[in-house]
Amino acid sequence: MLIRILKTDHYSNFFILFFTTILLWTSAWLDPIEFYFFPGEASMPLYHPIDNLFLGTTSLVVAIAGAIMTLINALFIYLLNSKFLFMKTRTYLPSFLYIVFTSSVKEYNTLLPSQFATFIIIIGIYYIFKTYQSEGAIGYILKASILLSLASLFYLPAILFLPIIWISILVLRQKFNWRHLAIPIIGVIIPWYICVSIYYLQDNLYSLKNILRLNTLSTNIFLSHKAIIFQQGFIIALFVIWGILSVIRRYGLKKEASRKYLNILIWMILCSISIFLLVPTCSYELITIAAIPLSYLTAHIFQFNTSSFWYNILFALFVATIVASPYFHVITL
């Protein structure tokens, strides 16, 4: 029943997303936990003013702001597919799954730098997808690169998604020239050049160097809860693999553009896994970005099902398992 409703484009689905967000964030509101960033995380140039804005407020206010950002990102996930229709139809199913993926761990139900980075990256993906068979591809590539750079000014590990832009160009464009290689680098440099210039004019370059050092070398304290991460990751991985197989099975039935868009999302998952494993500052907060492709590919399983009853049961069990997994430590590390 729920799948059938979420698969539609009816405006009432927004209220399902809204109440799902409230349901999953209620425990964080009733018993708010003060979130402790690792050294330098809250000092990133674009996130620091936002962090200062909430100084003196309660953890409840910060948690409410985090829920609003989660809901906004979920709506933009819906809009991205509505524009390019790589899920074949307009559907709220990926948005629903995005909220589930990003809201199931109470300790992280707060306002995070990665939430703002996610919002910007979704817009960047829009411009990347626009390069397909477009005469203005270079302009779109530049915009996507600048947006990725802006995302990294909120959440530094976002810059490591730069290879996805080059991969996307190879996937979407029939011809690849040196400009396509150079433009993303230029786009990434522009916001950081402006940022460094501002710090230089304020005679505060040492502070910026220290922020970058801490964001590069610090160890994220949430890794002490890594059993939760691997436990949820294992469950999600099983369904994502199933989702990829579902895409492959229907590959010949999809339009060429849809196949290419889904290929890019698969590459984005692989990039997210690499960043999580290799970057010491990355922990569960990376799910806000990784959940973009995860939500689409997992939704693909249920979007095209033919056995409504059993897929509804499976969908309910999947969602319940993700939500409950932080409270039942099957895996011990």
C-alpha atoms as a PDB file:
ATOM      1  CA  MET A   1       0.000   0.000   0.000  1.00  0.00           C
ATOM      2  CA  LEU A   2       2.719   2.483   1.026  1.00  0.00           C
ATOM      3  CA  ILE A   3       4.802   1.703  -2.064  1.00  0.00           C
ATOM      4  CA  ARG A   4       1.823   2.281  -4.343  1.00  0.00           C
ATOM      5  CA  ILE A   5       1.195   5.669  -2.726  1.00  0.00           C
ATOM      6  CA  LEU A   6       4.836   6.795  -2.774  1.00  0.00           C
ATOM      7  CA  LYS A   7       5.254   5.699  -6.398  1.00  0.00           C
ATOM      8  CA  THR A   8       2.772   8.374  -7.445  1.00  0.00           C
ATOM      9  CA  ASP A   9       3.342  12.089  -7.979  1.00  0.00           C
ATOM     10  CA  HIS A  10       0.457  13.217  -5.773  1.00  0.00           C
ATOM     11  CA  TYR A  11       1.108  16.291  -3.655  1.00  0.00           C
ATOM     12  CA  SER A  12      -0.197  14.459  -0.560  1.00  0.00           C
ATOM     13  CA  ASN A  13       3.057  12.476  -0.554  1.00  0.00           C
ATOM     14  CA  PHE A  14       4.768  15.580   0.769  1.00  0.00           C
ATOM     15  CA  PHE A  15       2.819  15.104   4.003  1.00  0.00           C
ATOM     16  CA  ILE A  16       4.064  11.506   4.202  1.00  0.00           C
ATOM     17  CA  LEU A  17       7.632  12.812   3.957  1.00  0.00           C
ATOM     18  CA  PHE A  18       6.850  15.492   6.527  1.00  0.00           C
ATOM     19  CA  PHE A  19       5.357  13.119   9.091  1.00  0.00           C
ATOM     20  CA  THR A  20       8.071  10.505   8.461  1.00  0.00           C
ATOM     21  CA  THR A  21      10.684  13.145   9.280  1.00  0.00           C
ATOM     22  CA  ILE A  22       8.822  14.094  12.459  1.00  0.00           C
ATOM     23  CA  LEU A  23       8.474  10.442  13.473  1.00  0.00           C
ATOM     24  CA  LEU A  24      12.176   9.662  13.010  1.00  0.00           C
ATOM     25  CA  TRP A  25      13.386  12.880  14.638  1.00  0.00           C
ATOM     26  CA  THR A  26      10.988  12.919  17.606  1.00  0.00           C
ATOM     27  CA  SER A  27      13.385  11.083  19.934  1.00  0.00           C
ATOM     28  CA  ALA A  28      16.094  13.666  19.155  1.00  0.00           C
ATOM     29  CA  TRP A  29      13.641  16.456  19.992  1.00  0.00           C
ATOM     30  CA  LEU A  30      12.295  14.899  23.196  1.00  0.00           C
ATOM     31  CA  ASP A  31      15.766  14.024  24.462  1.00  0.00           C
ATOM     32  CA  PRO A  32      18.169  16.251  22.498  1.00  0.00           C
ATOM     33  CA  ILE A  33      21.825  15.296  22.616  1.00  0.00           C
ATOM     34  CA  GLU A  34      24.510  17.938  22.304  1.00  0.00           C
ATOM     35  CA  PHE A  35      26.562  17.015  19.260  1.00  0.00           C
ATOM     36  CA  TYR A  36      30.348  17.316  19.516  1.00  0.00           C
ATOM     37  CA  PHE A  37      32.121  18.045  16.247  1.00  0.00           C
ATOM     38  CA  PHE A  38      35.633  16.766  15.757  1.00  0.00           C
ATOM     39  CA  PRO A  39      38.239  19.575  15.937  1.00  0.00           C
ATOM     40  CA  GLY A  40      37.865  21.976  13.017  1.00  0.00           C
ATOM     41  CA  GLU A  41      34.662  20.451  11.594  1.00  0.00           C
ATOM     42  CA  ALA A  42      32.396  23.325  12.655  1.00  0.00           C
ATOM     43  CA  SER A  43      35.028  25.906  11.648  1.00  0.00           C
ATOM     44  CA  MET A  44      34.827  25.367   7.899  1.00  0.00           C
ATOM     45  CA  PRO A  45      34.536  28.783   6.195  1.00  0.00           C
ATOM     46  CA  LEU A  46      30.886  28.545   5.096  1.00  0.00           C
ATOM     47  CA  TYR A  47      29.586  26.485   7.998  1.00  0.00           C
ATOM     48  CA  HIS A  48      31.200  28.535  10.769  1.00  0.00           C
ATOM     49  CA  PRO A  49      28.771  31.515  10.389  1.00  0.00           C
ATOM     50  CA  ILE A  50      25.831  29.079  10.597  1.00  0.00           C
ATOM     51  CA  ASP A  51      27.310  27.453  13.678  1.00  0.00           C
ATOM     52  CA  ASN A  52      27.698  30.889  15.265  1.00  0.00           C
ATOM     53  CA  LEU A  53      24.079  31.647  14.426  1.00  0.00           C
ATOM     54  CA  PHE A  54      22.971  28.812  16.701  1.00  0.00           C
ATOM     55  CA  LEU A  55      25.315  29.704  19.574  1.00  0.00           C
ATOM     56  CA  GLY A  56      23.292  30.175  22.721  1.00  0.00           C
ATOM     57  CA  THR A  57      20.353  28.167  21.395  1.00  0.00           C
ATOM     58  CA  THR A  58      19.307  24.792  22.760  1.00  0.00           C
ATOM     59  CA  SER A  59      20.109  21.411  21.205  1.00  0.00           C
ATOM     60  CA  LEU A  60      16.394  21.152  20.396  1.00  0.00           C
ATOM     61  CA  VAL A  61      16.522  24.175  18.086  1.00  0.00           C
ATOM     62  CA  VAL A  62      19.582  22.779  16.315  1.00  0.00           C
ATOM     63  CA  ALA A  63      17.873  19.387  15.924  1.00  0.00           C
ATOM     64  CA  ILE A  64      14.769  21.033  14.422  1.00  0.00           C
ATOM     65  CA  ALA A  65      16.998  22.878  11.935  1.00  0.00           C
ATOM     66  CA  GLY A  66      18.651  19.557  11.030  1.00  0.00           C
ATOM     67  CA  ALA A  67      15.248  17.966  10.381  1.00  0.00           C
ATOM     68  CA  ILE A  68      14.280  20.864   8.113  1.00  0.00           C
ATOM     69  CA  MET A  69      17.490  20.453   6.104  1.00  0.00           C
ATOM     70  CA  THR A  70      16.851  16.706   5.784  1.00  0.00           C
ATOM     71  CA  LEU A  71      13.358  17.348   4.459  1.00  0.00           C
ATOM     72  CA  ILE A  72      14.608  20.000   2.011  1.00  0.00           C
ATOM     73  CA  ASN A  73      17.256  17.617   0.646  1.00  0.00           C
ATOM     74  CA  ALA A  74      14.627  14.888   0.281  1.00  0.00           C
ATOM     75  CA  LEU A  75      12.415  17.237  -1.739  1.00  0.00           C
ATOM     76  CA  PHE A  76      15.313  18.164  -4.020  1.00  0.00           C
ATOM     77  CA  ILE A  77      15.932  14.452  -4.609  1.00  0.00           C
ATOM     78  CA  TYR A  78      12.344  14.252  -5.813  1.00  0.00           C
ATOM     79  CA  LEU A  79      12.823  17.315  -8.046  1.00  0.00           C
ATOM     80  CA  LEU A  80      16.018  15.917  -9.599  1.00  0.00           C
ATOM     81  CA  ASN A  81      14.243  12.785 -10.799  1.00  0.00           C
ATOM     82  CA  SER A  82      11.192  14.826 -11.839  1.00  0.00           C
ATOM     83  CA  LYS A  83      13.426  16.814 -14.172  1.00  0.00           C
ATOM     84  CA  PHE A  84      15.319  13.905 -15.777  1.00  0.00           C
ATOM     85  CA  LEU A  85      12.921  10.959 -15.135  1.00  0.00           C
ATOM     86  CA  PHE A  86      15.682   8.346 -14.838  1.00  0.00           C
ATOM     87  CA  MET A  87      13.286   6.469 -12.533  1.00  0.00           C
ATOM     88  CA  LYS A  88      10.860   6.502 -15.504  1.00  0.00           C
ATOM     89  CA  THR A  89       8.116   8.280 -13.546  1.00  0.00           C
ATOM     90  CA  ARG A  90       7.896  11.041 -10.983  1.00  0.00           C
ATOM     91  CA  THR A  91       7.999   9.358  -7.593  1.00  0.00           C
ATOM     92  CA  TYR A  92       8.479  10.226  -3.931  1.00  0.00           C
ATOM     93  CA  LEU A  93       9.915   6.799  -3.123  1.00  0.00           C
ATOM     94  CA  PRO A  94      13.620   7.864  -3.289  1.00  0.00           C
ATOM     95  CA  SER A  95      12.841  10.879  -1.090  1.00  0.00           C
ATOM     96  CA  PHE A  96      11.164   8.674   1.503  1.00  0.00           C
ATOM     97  CA  LEU A  97      14.155   6.319   1.559  1.00  0.00           C
ATOM     98  CA  TYR A  98      16.548   9.268   1.803  1.00  0.00           C
ATOM     99  CA  ILE A  99      14.827  10.406   5.000  1.00  0.00           C
ATOM    100  CA  VAL A 100      14.973   6.863   6.411  1.00  0.00           C
ATOM    101  CA  PHE A 101      18.675   6.451   5.571  1.00  0.00           C
ATOM    102  CA  THR A 102      19.731   9.792   7.035  1.00  0.00           C
ATOM    103  CA  SER A 103      17.494   9.928  10.126  1.00  0.00           C
ATOM    104  CA  SER A 104      17.780   6.529  11.760  1.00  0.00           C
ATOM    105  CA  VAL A 105      20.702   7.258  14.118  1.00  0.00           C
ATOM    106  CA  LYS A 106      19.607   9.568  16.922  1.00  0.00           C
ATOM    107  CA  GLU A 107      23.134  10.760  17.726  1.00  0.00           C
ATOM    108  CA  TYR A 108      23.361  12.288  14.268  1.00  0.00           C
ATOM    109  CA  ASN A 109      19.880  13.825  14.196  1.00  0.00           C
ATOM    110  CA  THR A 110      21.161  17.371  14.365  1.00  0.00           C
ATOM    111  CA  LEU A 111      22.357  20.105  12.028  1.00  0.00           C
ATOM    112  CA  LEU A 112      25.460  18.968  10.148  1.00  0.00           C
ATOM    113  CA  PRO A 113      27.843  20.621   7.667  1.00  0.00           C
ATOM    114  CA  SER A 114      27.324  17.656   5.329  1.00  0.00           C
ATOM    115  CA  GLN A 115      23.598  18.480   5.064  1.00  0.00           C
ATOM    116  CA  PHE A 116      24.406  21.827   3.437  1.00  0.00           C
ATOM    117  CA  ALA A 117      27.027  20.146   1.253  1.00  0.00           C
ATOM    118  CA  THR A 118      24.383  17.603   0.175  1.00  0.00           C
ATOM    119  CA  PHE A 119      21.959  20.342  -0.843  1.00  0.00           C
ATOM    120  CA  ILE A 120      24.625  21.981  -3.023  1.00  0.00           C
ATOM    121  CA  ILE A 121      25.771  18.645  -4.499  1.00  0.00           C
ATOM    122  CA  ILE A 122      22.216  17.773  -5.591  1.00  0.00           C
ATOM    123  CA  ILE A 123      22.109  21.043  -7.539  1.00  0.00           C
ATOM    124  CA  GLY A 124      25.542  20.184  -8.939  1.00  0.00           C
ATOM    125  CA  ILE A 125      24.241  16.791 -10.121  1.00  0.00           C
ATOM    126  CA  TYR A 126      21.458  18.663 -11.918  1.00  0.00           C
ATOM    127  CA  TYR A 127      24.028  20.638 -13.918  1.00  0.00           C
ATOM    128  CA  ILE A 128      26.081  17.503 -14.608  1.00  0.00           C
ATOM    129  CA  PHE A 129      23.010  15.722 -15.999  1.00  0.00           C
ATOM    130  CA  LYS A 130      22.248  18.810 -18.116  1.00  0.00           C
ATOM    131  CA  THR A 131      25.502  18.280 -20.019  1.00  0.00           C
ATOM    132  CA  TYR A 132      23.997  15.281 -21.826  1.00  0.00           C
ATOM    133  CA  GLN A 133      23.675  16.198 -25.516  1.00  0.00           C
ATOM    134  CA  SER A 134      23.941  19.880 -24.642  1.00  0.00           C
ATOM    135  CA  GLU A 135      25.816  22.527 -26.608  1.00  0.00           C
ATOM    136  CA  GLY A 136      26.424  24.456 -23.402  1.00  0.00           C
ATOM    137  CA  ALA A 137      28.166  21.565 -21.668  1.00  0.00           C
ATOM    138  CA  ILE A 138      31.253  23.551 -20.628  1.00  0.00           C
ATOM    139  CA  GLY A 139      29.109  26.093 -18.800  1.00  0.00           C
ATOM    140  CA  TYR A 140      27.236  23.354 -16.964  1.00  0.00           C
ATOM    141  CA  ILE A 141      30.498  21.608 -16.037  1.00  0.00           C
ATOM    142  CA  LEU A 142      31.881  24.871 -14.649  1.00  0.00           C
ATOM    143  CA  LYS A 143      28.736  25.455 -12.566  1.00  0.00           C
ATOM    144  CA  ALA A 144      28.818  21.904 -11.202  1.00  0.00           C
ATOM    145  CA  SER A 145      32.496  22.262 -10.282  1.00  0.00           C
ATOM    146  CA  ILE A 146      31.963  25.598  -8.527  1.00  0.00           C
ATOM    147  CA  LEU A 147      29.058  24.091  -6.586  1.00  0.00           C
ATOM    148  CA  LEU A 148      31.178  21.115  -5.525  1.00  0.00           C
ATOM    149  CA  SER A 149      33.849  23.526  -4.326  1.00  0.00           C
ATOM    150  CA  LEU A 150      31.235  25.496  -2.355  1.00  0.00           C
ATOM    151  CA  ALA A 151      30.051  22.205  -0.814  1.00  0.00           C
ATOM    152  CA  SER A 152      33.625  21.527   0.340  1.00  0.00           C
ATOM    153  CA  LEU A 153      33.664  24.911   2.087  1.00  0.00           C
ATOM    154  CA  PHE A 154      30.916  23.483   4.287  1.00  0.00           C
ATOM    155  CA  TYR A 155      32.224  19.919   4.481  1.00  0.00           C
ATOM    156  CA  LEU A 156      35.798  19.391   3.283  1.00  0.00           C
ATOM    157  CA  PRO A 157      35.518  15.699   2.191  1.00  0.00           C
ATOM    158  CA  ALA A 158      32.979  16.780  -0.446  1.00  0.00           C
ATOM    159  CA  ILE A 159      35.918  17.890  -2.602  1.00  0.00           C
ATOM    160  CA  LEU A 160      36.840  14.219  -3.021  1.00  0.00           C
ATOM    161  CA  PHE A 161      33.791  13.764  -5.252  1.00  0.00           C
ATOM    162  CA  LEU A 162      35.632  15.729  -7.963  1.00  0.00           C
ATOM    163  CA  PRO A 163      36.454  12.524  -9.936  1.00  0.00           C
ATOM    164  CA  ILE A 164      32.695  11.977 -10.324  1.00  0.00           C
ATOM    165  CA  ILE A 165      32.562  15.087 -12.515  1.00  0.00           C
ATOM    166  CA  TRP A 166      35.214  13.675 -14.872  1.00  0.00           C
ATOM    167  CA  ILE A 167      33.552  10.249 -14.855  1.00  0.00           C
ATOM    168  CA  SER A 168      30.205  11.891 -15.609  1.00  0.00           C
ATOM    169  CA  ILE A 169      31.694  13.725 -18.567  1.00  0.00           C
ATOM    170  CA  LEU A 170      33.084  10.449 -19.935  1.00  0.00           C
ATOM    171  CA  VAL A 171      29.712   8.760 -19.466  1.00  0.00           C
ATOM    172  CA  LEU A 172      27.507  11.559 -20.810  1.00  0.00           C
ATOM    173  CA  ARG A 173      29.609  13.128 -23.551  1.00  0.00           C
ATOM    174  CA  GLN A 174      30.475  11.426 -26.830  1.00  0.00           C
ATOM    175  CA  LYS A 175      33.616  13.516 -27.223  1.00  0.00           C
ATOM    176  CA  PHE A 176      36.076  14.293 -24.451  1.00  0.00           C
ATOM    177  CA  ASN A 177      38.610  17.096 -24.910  1.00  0.00           C
ATOM    178  CA  TRP A 178      41.168  18.801 -22.717  1.00  0.00           C
ATOM    179  CA  ARG A 179      38.690  21.537 -21.728  1.00  0.00           C
ATOM    180  CA  HIS A 180      36.512  18.931 -20.029  1.00  0.00           C
ATOM    181  CA  LEU A 181      39.526  17.961 -17.926  1.00  0.00           C
ATOM    182  CA  ALA A 182      40.581  21.516 -17.113  1.00  0.00           C
ATOM    183  CA  ILE A 183      37.227  23.202 -16.444  1.00  0.00           C
ATOM    184  CA  PRO A 184      36.401  21.192 -13.272  1.00  0.00           C
ATOM    185  CA  ILE A 185      39.798  22.115 -11.798  1.00  0.00           C
ATOM    186  CA  ILE A 186      39.199  25.795 -12.580  1.00  0.00           C
ATOM    187  CA  GLY A 187      35.694  25.592 -11.113  1.00  0.00           C
ATOM    188  CA  VAL A 188      36.976  24.074  -7.888  1.00  0.00           C
ATOM    189  CA  ILE A 189      39.753  26.659  -7.562  1.00  0.00           C
ATOM    190  CA  ILE A 190      37.500  29.740  -7.929  1.00  0.00           C
ATOM    191  CA  PRO A 191      35.594  29.561  -4.580  1.00  0.00           C
ATOM    192  CA  TRP A 192      38.708  28.469  -2.693  1.00  0.00           C
ATOM    193  CA  TYR A 193      40.725  31.317  -4.245  1.00  0.00           C
ATOM    194  CA  ILE A 194      38.105  33.794  -3.040  1.00  0.00           C
ATOM    195  CA  CYS A 195      38.080  32.138   0.394  1.00  0.00           C
ATOM    196  CA  VAL A 196      41.879  32.251   0.751  1.00  0.00           C
ATOM    197  CA  SER A 197      41.892  35.875  -0.421  1.00  0.00           C
ATOM    198  CA  ILE A 198      39.371  36.860   2.256  1.00  0.00           C
ATOM    199  CA  TYR A 199      41.391  35.137   4.986  1.00  0.00           C
ATOM    200  CA  TYR A 200      44.567  36.776   3.636  1.00  0.00           C
ATOM    201  CA  LEU A 201      43.014  40.263   3.672  1.00  0.00           C
ATOM    202  CA  GLN A 202      41.924  39.612   7.252  1.00  0.00           C
ATOM    203  CA  ASP A 203      45.482  38.518   8.075  1.00  0.00           C
ATOM    204  CA  ASN A 204      44.054  35.183   9.172  1.00  0.00           C
ATOM    205  CA  LEU A 205      45.691  32.661   6.841  1.00  0.00           C
ATOM    206  CA  TYR A 206      47.167  30.714   9.743  1.00  0.00           C
ATOM    207  CA  SER A 207      43.646  30.080  11.046  1.00  0.00           C
ATOM    208  CA  LEU A 208      42.557  28.695   7.664  1.00  0.00           C
ATOM    209  CA  LYS A 209      45.623  26.431   7.479  1.00  0.00           C
ATOM    210  CA  ASN A 210      44.847  25.101  10.942  1.00  0.00           C
ATOM    211  CA  ILE A 211      41.193  24.460  10.020  1.00  0.00           C
ATOM    212  CA  LEU A 212      42.229  22.508   6.918  1.00  0.00           C
ATOM    213  CA  ARG A 213      44.837  20.558   8.878  1.00  0.00           C
ATOM    214  CA  LEU A 214      42.290  19.545  11.513  1.00  0.00           C
ATOM    215  CA  ASN A 215      39.704  18.609   8.872  1.00  0.00           C
ATOM    216  CA  THR A 216      42.280  16.457   7.129  1.00  0.00           C
ATOM    217  CA  LEU A 217      44.050  14.723  10.008  1.00  0.00           C
ATOM    218  CA  SER A 218      41.505  14.529  12.851  1.00  0.00           C
ATOM    219  CA  THR A 219      39.880  11.205  13.705  1.00  0.00           C
ATOM    220  CA  ASN A 220      36.090  11.322  13.812  1.00  0.00           C
ATOM    221  CA  ILE A 221      34.938  10.322  17.302  1.00  0.00           C
ATOM    222  CA  PHE A 222      31.806   8.701  15.896  1.00  0.00           C
ATOM    223  CA  LEU A 223      33.978   5.854  14.637  1.00  0.00           C
ATOM    224  CA  SER A 224      33.731   4.530  18.178  1.00  0.00           C
ATOM    225  CA  HIS A 225      30.201   3.558  17.088  1.00  0.00           C
ATOM    226  CA  LYS A 226      31.408   1.941  13.879  1.00  0.00           C
ATOM    227  CA  ALA A 227      29.438  -1.258  14.611  1.00  0.00           C
ATOM    228  CA  ILE A 228      26.269   0.719  13.833  1.00  0.00           C
ATOM    229  CA  ILE A 229      27.786   1.992  10.599  1.00  0.00           C
ATOM    230  CA  PHE A 230      28.841  -1.427   9.336  1.00  0.00           C
ATOM    231  CA  GLN A 231      25.617  -3.035  10.499  1.00  0.00           C
ATOM    232  CA  GLN A 232      23.441  -0.552   8.622  1.00  0.00           C
ATOM    233  CA  GLY A 233      25.892  -0.519   5.744  1.00  0.00           C
ATOM    234  CA  PHE A 234      25.608  -4.279   5.354  1.00  0.00           C
ATOM    235  CA  ILE A 235      21.806  -4.144   5.196  1.00  0.00           C
ATOM    236  CA  ILE A 236      21.761  -1.225   2.756  1.00  0.00           C
ATOM    237  CA  ALA A 237      24.510  -2.831   0.628  1.00  0.00           C
ATOM    238  CA  LEU A 238      22.406  -5.949   0.087  1.00  0.00           C
ATOM    239  CA  PHE A 239      19.512  -3.891  -1.236  1.00  0.00           C
ATOM    240  CA  VAL A 240      21.727  -1.579  -3.281  1.00  0.00           C
ATOM    241  CA  ILE A 241      23.287  -4.604  -4.996  1.00  0.00           C
ATOM    242  CA  TRP A 242      19.773  -5.844  -5.645  1.00  0.00           C
ATOM    243  CA  GLY A 243      18.910  -2.373  -6.963  1.00  0.00           C
ATOM    244  CA  ILE A 244      21.907  -2.405  -9.325  1.00  0.00           C
ATOM    245  CA  LEU A 245      20.880  -5.856 -10.575  1.00  0.00           C
ATOM    246  CA  SER A 246      17.372  -4.473 -11.056  1.00  0.00           C
ATOM    247  CA  VAL A 247      18.807  -1.655 -13.169  1.00  0.00           C
ATOM    248  CA  ILE A 248      20.856  -4.133 -15.215  1.00  0.00           C
ATOM    249  CA  ARG A 249      17.812  -6.360 -15.758  1.00  0.00           C
ATOM    250  CA  ARG A 250      15.847  -3.429 -17.161  1.00  0.00           C
ATOM    251  CA  TYR A 251      18.820  -1.848 -18.910  1.00  0.00           C
ATOM    252  CA  GLY A 252      17.542  -2.490 -22.408  1.00  0.00           C
ATOM    253  CA  LEU A 253      14.133  -1.036 -21.571  1.00  0.00           C
ATOM    254  CA  LYS A 254      15.504   2.307 -20.447  1.00  0.00           C
ATOM    255  CA  LYS A 255      16.268   5.368 -22.499  1.00  0.00           C
ATOM    256  CA  GLU A 256      19.938   5.990 -23.167  1.00  0.00           C
ATOM    257  CA  ALA A 257      19.955   9.090 -20.951  1.00  0.00           C
ATOM    258  CA  SER A 258      18.419   7.213 -18.002  1.00  0.00           C
ATOM    259  CA  ARG A 259      21.031   4.459 -18.304  1.00  0.00           C
ATOM    260  CA  LYS A 260      23.821   7.016 -18.218  1.00  0.00           C
ATOM    261  CA  TYR A 261      22.367   8.873 -15.218  1.00  0.00           C
ATOM    262  CA  LEU A 262      22.035   5.635 -13.247  1.00  0.00           C
ATOM    263  CA  ASN A 263      25.616   4.681 -14.170  1.00  0.00           C
ATOM    264  CA  ILE A 264      26.813   7.951 -12.643  1.00  0.00           C
ATOM    265  CA  LEU A 265      24.871   7.230  -9.446  1.00  0.00           C
ATOM    266  CA  ILE A 266      26.561   3.831  -9.182  1.00  0.00           C
ATOM    267  CA  TRP A 267      29.965   5.502  -9.535  1.00  0.00           C
ATOM    268  CA  MET A 268      28.931   7.950  -6.829  1.00  0.00           C
ATOM    269  CA  ILE A 269      28.266   5.060  -4.429  1.00  0.00           C
ATOM    270  CA  LEU A 270      31.718   3.622  -5.134  1.00  0.00           C
ATOM    271  CA  CYS A 271      33.278   7.035  -4.527  1.00  0.00           C
ATOM    272  CA  SER A 272      31.401   7.385  -1.221  1.00  0.00           C
ATOM    273  CA  ILE A 273      32.661   4.004  -0.027  1.00  0.00           C
ATOM    274  CA  SER A 274      36.245   4.929  -0.929  1.00  0.00           C
ATOM    275  CA  ILE A 275      36.030   8.256   0.911  1.00  0.00           C
ATOM    276  CA  PHE A 276      34.566   6.605   4.013  1.00  0.00           C
ATOM    277  CA  LEU A 277      37.298   3.965   4.123  1.00  0.00           C
ATOM    278  CA  LEU A 278      40.260   6.214   3.325  1.00  0.00           C
ATOM    279  CA  VAL A 279      39.509   9.558   5.012  1.00  0.00           C
ATOM    280  CA  PRO A 280      39.890   9.561   8.828  1.00  0.00           C
ATOM    281  CA  THR A 281      37.528  12.516   9.334  1.00  0.00           C
ATOM    282  CA  CYS A 282      34.628  10.775   7.561  1.00  0.00           C
ATOM    283  CA  SER A 283      32.069   8.860   9.531  1.00  0.00           C
ATOM    284  CA  TYR A 284      28.292   8.473   9.607  1.00  0.00           C
ATOM    285  CA  GLU A 285      27.645  12.064   8.484  1.00  0.00           C
ATOM    286  CA  LEU A 286      28.796  11.042   4.981  1.00  0.00           C
ATOM    287  CA  ILE A 287      25.460   9.195   4.658  1.00  0.00           C
ATOM    288  CA  THR A 288      23.769  12.523   3.908  1.00  0.00           C
ATOM    289  CA  ILE A 289      25.674  12.605   0.594  1.00  0.00           C
ATOM    290  CA  ALA A 290      25.919   8.861  -0.053  1.00  0.00           C
ATOM    291  CA  ALA A 291      22.160   8.516   0.446  1.00  0.00           C
ATOM    292  CA  ILE A 292      21.544  10.453  -2.779  1.00  0.00           C
ATOM    293  CA  PRO A 293      22.492   7.520  -5.067  1.00  0.00           C
ATOM    294  CA  LEU A 294      21.552   4.923  -2.419  1.00  0.00           C
ATOM    295  CA  SER A 295      17.961   6.149  -2.278  1.00  0.00           C
ATOM    296  CA  TYR A 296      17.505   6.082  -6.065  1.00  0.00           C
ATOM    297  CA  LEU A 297      18.997   2.635  -6.579  1.00  0.00           C
ATOM    298  CA  THR A 298      17.159   1.083  -3.633  1.00  0.00           C
ATOM    299  CA  ALA A 299      13.904   2.669  -4.781  1.00  0.00           C
ATOM    300  CA  HIS A 300      14.460   1.094  -8.202  1.00  0.00           C
ATOM    301  CA  ILE A 301      13.728  -2.336  -6.666  1.00  0.00           C
ATOM    302  CA  PHE A 302      10.300  -1.300  -5.451  1.00  0.00           C
ATOM    303  CA  GLN A 303       9.409   1.152  -8.207  1.00  0.00           C
ATOM    304  CA  PHE A 304       9.079  -1.573 -10.832  1.00  0.00           C
ATOM    305  CA  ASN A 305       7.734  -4.477  -8.773  1.00  0.00           C
ATOM    306  CA  THR A 306       4.868  -6.594 -10.019  1.00  0.00           C
ATOM    307  CA  SER A 307       3.993  -8.492  -6.822  1.00  0.00           C
ATOM    308  CA  SER A 308       2.518  -5.672  -4.770  1.00  0.00           C
ATOM    309  CA  PHE A 309       1.727  -7.585  -1.569  1.00  0.00           C
ATOM    310  CA  TRP A 310       5.112  -9.259  -1.077  1.00  0.00           C
ATOM    311  CA  TYR A 311       7.093  -6.198  -2.088  1.00  0.00           C
ATOM    312  CA  ASN A 312       5.132  -4.122   0.424  1.00  0.00           C
ATOM    313  CA  ILE A 313       6.009  -6.637   3.132  1.00  0.00           C
ATOM    314  CA  LEU A 314       9.671  -6.592   2.068  1.00  0.00           C
ATOM    315  CA  PHE A 315       9.694  -2.801   1.915  1.00  0.00           C
ATOM    316  CA  ALA A 316       8.221  -2.532   5.422  1.00  0.00           C
ATOM    317  CA  LEU A 317      10.768  -5.018   6.793  1.00  0.00           C
ATOM    318  CA  PHE A 318      13.634  -3.170   5.097  1.00  0.00           C
ATOM    319  CA  VAL A 319      12.607   0.223   6.504  1.00  0.00           C
ATOM    320  CA  ALA A 320      11.958  -1.254   9.968  1.00  0.00           C
ATOM    321  CA  THR A 321      15.377  -2.951   9.963  1.00  0.00           C
ATOM    322  CA  ILE A 322      17.193   0.265   9.038  1.00  0.00           C
ATOM    323  CA  VAL A 323      15.376   2.260  11.701  1.00  0.00           C
ATOM    324  CA  ALA A 324      15.807  -0.402  14.410  1.00  0.00           C
ATOM    325  CA  SER A 325      19.396  -1.448  13.633  1.00  0.00           C
ATOM    326  CA  PRO A 326      21.079   1.255  15.796  1.00  0.00           C
ATOM    327  CA  TYR A 327      19.299  -0.210  18.824  1.00  0.00           C
ATOM    328  CA  PHE A 328      20.240  -3.850  18.163  1.00  0.00           C
ATOM    329  CA  HIS A 329      23.962  -4.444  17.838  1.00  0.00           C
ATOM    330  CA  VAL A 330      24.176  -7.711  15.937  1.00  0.00           C
ATOM    331  CA  ILE A 331      27.680  -6.827  14.729  1.00  0.00           C
ATOM    332  CA  THR A 332      30.299  -6.195  17.403  1.00  0.00           C
ATOM    333  CA  LEU A 333      33.578  -4.485  16.499  1.00  0.00           C
END
